Amino acid sequence: MSGRAREVVASAEVISGYATYIDLVRPLITGQTVISTGMTKEVDRVSRALEAACAGSTCALVCSGDPGVYAMAGLVFELCRENAVPVGSGPEDLFVEVIPGIPALCAGAALLGAPLMHDFAAISLSDLLTPWPVIEKRIQMAAQADFVIAFYNPRSKKRTWQLDAARQILLSHRAPETPVGLVTSAMRSNEAVVLCRLGDLDAARADMQTTVFVGNSRTFVYHDRMVTPRGYKDKYDLKTD
């Protein structure tokens, strides 16, 4: 967490978030009102947070990673628009501050080495909000364009087939030897990092806390580090005397 994020959570009068994320910031909670909801209750907890904020309380809406990357920032603004809540810095406006965090793809990439050094795509495999045909098309296009791909939400207790389906699509465009990195719970106590090949990818090793990194045609592994070259070797002599 950034220093600003810690400061806001500690000073807020109301804290709202998914139960698991509330637990992660529990050391910063010292008597604030807590709005905690379960999975798939995003609209409910954001609505209740907005109600508290519009009533005059300072409210911190807690997300994992970065609030603008598959998280709650967008939903806050959507609900404000749908309910005609003015957002700004005027006396009648609701002041909304989006505090940047470290997204899972950045935390995971740091643990793997440097897999995102060149162009990449981030794709969520959850079809709860996005139809699978749309996701499938995005995977196809990213694979054809030779993007490194970071898959979010690869597998859950109920969604067990999507990562295997994505792997089959990728194998029609990439070699089985393509490096793949799986990072679970990056930078947390139960962190796990696994390197494998696309042809050997075992979907059962992933869950909702896992980010799956699939290299492009030039990605390599060097001393257990996954690296996608930017192209310096094509332009400069990298050997030193």
Foldseek 3Di string as FASTA:
>chain_A
DDPVLLVLLLPFQEEEEEPVQCVVNVVSDDPHHYHYDHPPCLLVRLVVQVVCQLVPTGYHYTDPAFCVPPHNPVVNVVVCVVVVAAEDPDPRHRDDDRDGGHHPVRLLLVVQAHQQLAAAEEAELDCPPPPNVVSLVVLLVRLQVQHWYKYAQLAAPVRQCRVVVSLVSNVVREPQQWKKWKWFPRPDPPIDIDIDGSVPDDSVVDHNRIIMITHGRQWDADPSHIHDDHCVVVPDPPDDD
